[in-house]
Amino acid sequence: MKICTATLTGIPGSPYSQSGFLNHIPKLERESAEDYDLRTWREHCNTNDSGQICIPAMGLKMAIDTTAFKLGEKVPGRRGATYRSFFESGFIVDGDVPIANGKALKPDDAEMVAIMSDSKGRRGASGGSRVLRRFPVFKEWSGPARFIIMDELIMPVFPQHLNACGWIVGLGRFRPENGGTNGRFRVTDIKWEEVSF
């Protein structure tokens, strides 16, 4: 088993945007949907206990698993098997990834982007149900991601898959996986350490 620590750095021109669910914030009495959106857009951010913006561990895990599926690279000596299932069960992301830009990024550091979207969140919906929605974006960011890799089979190809994840799947709202351009990243540093029990 090994621990891989990789620094993920956002690609210029591809901001990271979050869209966390807001079921924990009730509407005020007589507050319109527009006023609610204006009041709560920063609440879409995912933060840790100290209030720093974080990439959710499961979001990053699922992005890398999706990359393994999309690449479809064959495992040598495994009769045509791909790395997909080995990635799904062979590693975990060891906690949310705090991001910074010279300093820890907080919700107050977010810029706002306003987009037209379906009022019920249905992608590609047409008709009169489109409304203006606002989300936080971070134009420059970087953060250390820590991976615990249990399956030795994926270790040699893990850096390649992580790099590919940053280009073809991405992270957050409007990422390449969903036809967007946000959330792309590159791996700017990677370190390995052995773990023994």
Protein backbone atom coordinates (compact mmCIF):
# COMPACT_ATOMS: atom_id res chain seq x y z
CA MET A 1 0.00 0.00 0.00
CA LYS A 2 1.21 3.51 -0.79
CA ILE A 3 0.17 7.08 -0.09
CA CYS A 4 0.32 9.47 -3.02
CA THR A 5 0.22 13.21 -2.32
CA ALA A 6 -0.41 15.28 -5.43
CA THR A 7 -0.74 19.03 -5.82
CA LEU A 8 -3.66 19.86 -8.08
CA THR A 9 -3.52 23.29 -9.73
CA GLY A 10 -6.33 24.88 -11.71
CA ILE A 11 -5.64 25.53 -15.38
CA PRO A 12 -5.79 29.24 -16.33
CA GLY A 13 -9.09 30.10 -17.97
CA SER A 14 -10.85 27.17 -16.30
CA PRO A 15 -12.23 28.39 -12.96
CA TYR A 16 -13.42 26.03 -10.25
CA SER A 17 -17.11 26.51 -9.46
CA GLN A 18 -19.10 24.76 -6.75
CA SER A 19 -22.82 24.07 -6.62
CA GLY A 20 -23.51 22.43 -3.28
CA PHE A 21 -27.16 21.79 -2.38
CA LEU A 22 -28.84 24.45 -0.22
CA ASN A 23 -31.44 22.43 1.67
CA HIS A 24 -29.94 23.61 4.98
CA ILE A 25 -30.82 27.29 4.43
CA PRO A 26 -34.52 28.13 4.75
CA LYS A 27 -36.15 30.97 2.87
CA LEU A 28 -37.03 34.07 4.82
CA GLU A 29 -40.67 35.07 5.14
CA ARG A 30 -41.90 36.59 1.85
CA GLU A 31 -38.44 36.18 0.30
CA SER A 32 -38.57 35.74 -3.47
CA ALA A 33 -36.56 33.04 -5.24
CA GLU A 34 -34.43 35.81 -6.76
CA ASP A 35 -33.66 37.38 -3.36
CA TYR A 36 -32.94 33.94 -1.87
CA ASP A 37 -30.46 33.23 -4.67
CA LEU A 38 -28.76 36.60 -4.19
CA ARG A 39 -28.49 36.01 -0.43
CA THR A 40 -27.23 32.43 -0.54
CA TRP A 41 -25.02 32.00 -3.63
CA ARG A 42 -21.84 31.71 -1.53
CA GLU A 43 -23.49 28.89 0.45
CA HIS A 44 -22.96 26.60 -2.56
CA CYS A 45 -19.32 26.37 -1.36
CA ASN A 46 -17.97 23.25 0.35
CA THR A 47 -15.80 24.14 3.36
CA ASN A 48 -13.91 22.38 6.12
CA ASP A 49 -14.18 23.11 9.87
CA SER A 50 -11.95 26.19 9.54
CA GLY A 51 -14.07 27.61 6.73
CA GLN A 52 -11.58 26.91 3.92
CA ILE A 53 -12.96 25.94 0.51
CA CYS A 54 -12.48 22.24 -0.17
CA ILE A 55 -12.87 19.87 -3.07
CA PRO A 56 -15.09 17.08 -1.69
CA ALA A 57 -13.17 13.81 -1.41
CA MET A 58 -15.96 11.77 -3.02
CA GLY A 59 -16.22 14.22 -5.93
CA LEU A 60 -12.51 13.74 -6.68
CA LYS A 61 -12.76 9.96 -6.21
CA MET A 62 -15.68 9.72 -8.63
CA ALA A 63 -13.87 11.95 -11.16
CA ILE A 64 -10.83 9.65 -11.19
CA ASP A 65 -13.03 6.53 -11.42
CA THR A 66 -14.84 8.12 -14.38
CA THR A 67 -11.47 8.85 -16.00
CA ALA A 68 -10.47 5.18 -15.73
CA PHE A 69 -13.74 4.26 -17.44
CA LYS A 70 -13.31 6.86 -20.20
CA LEU A 71 -9.68 5.97 -20.93
CA GLY A 72 -10.50 2.28 -21.07
CA GLU A 73 -6.82 1.37 -20.81
CA LYS A 74 -6.21 -2.39 -20.81
CA VAL A 75 -4.42 -4.10 -17.91
CA PRO A 76 -1.43 -6.05 -19.23
CA GLY A 77 -1.87 -9.80 -18.86
CA ARG A 78 -5.55 -9.60 -17.82
CA ARG A 79 -7.28 -10.80 -21.02
CA GLY A 80 -8.69 -7.47 -22.10
CA ALA A 81 -9.74 -6.24 -18.66
CA THR A 82 -9.50 -2.49 -18.19
CA TYR A 83 -8.37 -0.57 -15.11
CA ARG A 84 -11.91 0.59 -14.35
CA SER A 85 -12.82 -1.88 -11.60
CA PHE A 86 -9.31 -1.77 -10.16
CA PHE A 87 -9.60 1.99 -9.71
CA GLU A 88 -13.09 1.75 -8.22
CA SER A 89 -11.94 -0.55 -5.41
CA GLY A 90 -8.21 0.14 -5.35
CA PHE A 91 -7.85 3.61 -3.84
CA ILE A 92 -9.52 6.23 -1.69
CA VAL A 93 -9.14 9.99 -1.40
CA ASP A 94 -7.96 10.60 2.16
CA GLY A 95 -10.16 13.58 3.02
CA ASP A 96 -11.45 16.72 1.35
CA VAL A 97 -8.84 18.79 -0.50
CA PRO A 98 -8.39 22.32 0.92
CA ILE A 99 -7.59 24.87 -1.80
CA ALA A 100 -5.67 28.10 -1.70
CA ASN A 101 -4.38 30.92 -3.88
CA GLY A 102 -1.46 32.25 -1.86
CA LYS A 103 -3.82 32.07 1.14
CA ALA A 104 -6.59 29.74 2.21
CA LEU A 105 -9.62 30.39 0.02
CA LYS A 106 -12.85 31.16 1.88
CA PRO A 107 -16.41 31.76 0.59
CA ASP A 108 -15.84 35.51 0.82
CA ASP A 109 -13.03 35.12 -1.76
CA ALA A 110 -15.44 33.73 -4.37
CA GLU A 111 -16.52 35.67 -7.41
CA MET A 112 -20.10 35.26 -8.59
CA VAL A 113 -21.17 33.82 -11.92
CA ALA A 114 -24.80 34.16 -13.03
CA ILE A 115 -26.23 31.64 -15.50
CA MET A 116 -29.62 30.78 -16.91
CA SER A 117 -30.68 27.30 -15.84
CA ASP A 118 -33.78 25.21 -15.38
CA SER A 119 -35.63 26.10 -12.18
CA LYS A 120 -35.75 22.44 -11.14
CA GLY A 121 -32.12 21.70 -12.11
CA ARG A 122 -32.97 19.55 -15.15
CA ARG A 123 -30.10 19.67 -17.62
CA GLY A 124 -31.14 20.55 -21.18
CA ALA A 125 -34.73 21.43 -20.23
CA SER A 126 -36.41 23.94 -22.49
CA GLY A 127 -39.46 26.12 -22.19
CA GLY A 128 -40.39 28.81 -19.73
CA SER A 129 -38.84 27.24 -16.63
CA ARG A 130 -35.41 28.86 -16.99
CA VAL A 131 -34.27 31.20 -14.22
CA LEU A 132 -31.16 33.17 -13.33
CA ARG A 133 -28.95 31.24 -10.87
CA ARG A 134 -25.76 32.38 -9.18
CA PHE A 135 -22.75 30.29 -8.15
CA PRO A 136 -19.32 30.88 -6.62
CA VAL A 137 -16.20 30.63 -8.80
CA PHE A 138 -12.49 30.66 -8.02
CA LYS A 139 -10.29 31.65 -10.96
CA GLU A 140 -6.98 30.49 -9.46
CA TRP A 141 -6.58 27.65 -7.01
CA SER A 142 -4.28 24.88 -5.89
CA GLY A 143 -4.47 22.18 -3.24
CA PRO A 144 -2.82 18.99 -1.94
CA ALA A 145 -4.79 15.82 -2.54
CA ARG A 146 -3.85 12.71 -0.57
CA PHE A 147 -4.65 9.28 -1.99
CA ILE A 148 -4.34 5.92 -0.24
CA ILE A 149 -3.69 3.32 -2.92
CA MET A 150 -4.37 -0.24 -1.86
CA ASP A 151 -4.14 -2.05 -5.21
CA GLU A 152 -0.56 -2.24 -6.51
CA LEU A 153 -1.90 -2.85 -10.01
CA ILE A 154 -2.98 0.79 -10.41
CA MET A 155 0.13 2.41 -8.93
CA PRO A 156 2.13 2.65 -12.19
CA VAL A 157 -0.80 4.26 -14.08
CA PHE A 158 -2.22 6.38 -11.26
CA PRO A 159 -0.32 9.60 -12.18
CA GLN A 160 -1.41 9.27 -15.82
CA HIS A 161 -5.05 8.80 -14.82
CA LEU A 162 -4.91 11.70 -12.37
CA ASN A 163 -3.47 14.01 -15.06
CA ALA A 164 -6.08 12.85 -17.57
CA CYS A 165 -8.80 13.46 -14.97
CA GLY A 166 -7.80 17.11 -14.84
CA TRP A 167 -8.29 17.51 -18.57
CA ILE A 168 -11.18 15.25 -19.61
CA VAL A 169 -13.39 15.01 -16.49
CA GLY A 170 -12.55 17.96 -14.22
CA LEU A 171 -14.17 19.05 -10.98
CA GLY A 172 -17.20 21.03 -9.88
CA ARG A 173 -19.98 22.76 -11.78
CA PHE A 174 -19.80 22.92 -15.61
CA ARG A 175 -16.83 20.54 -15.80
CA PRO A 176 -15.71 18.80 -19.04
CA GLU A 177 -17.46 15.55 -18.04
CA ASN A 178 -20.75 17.46 -18.38
CA GLY A 179 -19.83 19.35 -21.54
CA GLY A 180 -18.35 22.38 -19.79
CA THR A 181 -14.93 23.97 -19.50
CA ASN A 182 -14.62 24.68 -15.75
CA GLY A 183 -12.70 22.72 -13.14
CA ARG A 184 -9.81 21.55 -15.27
CA PHE A 185 -6.51 21.04 -13.44
CA ARG A 186 -2.98 19.75 -13.83
CA VAL A 187 -0.79 17.85 -11.40
CA THR A 188 2.10 20.15 -10.46
CA ASP A 189 3.78 17.92 -7.87
CA ILE A 190 3.51 14.30 -6.81
CA LYS A 191 5.12 12.40 -3.94
CA TRP A 192 4.91 8.74 -2.88
CA GLU A 193 5.44 7.09 0.46
CA GLU A 194 5.29 3.46 1.52
CA VAL A 195 2.84 2.43 4.20
CA SER A 196 3.28 -0.69 6.24
CA PHE A 197 1.18 -2.24 8.99
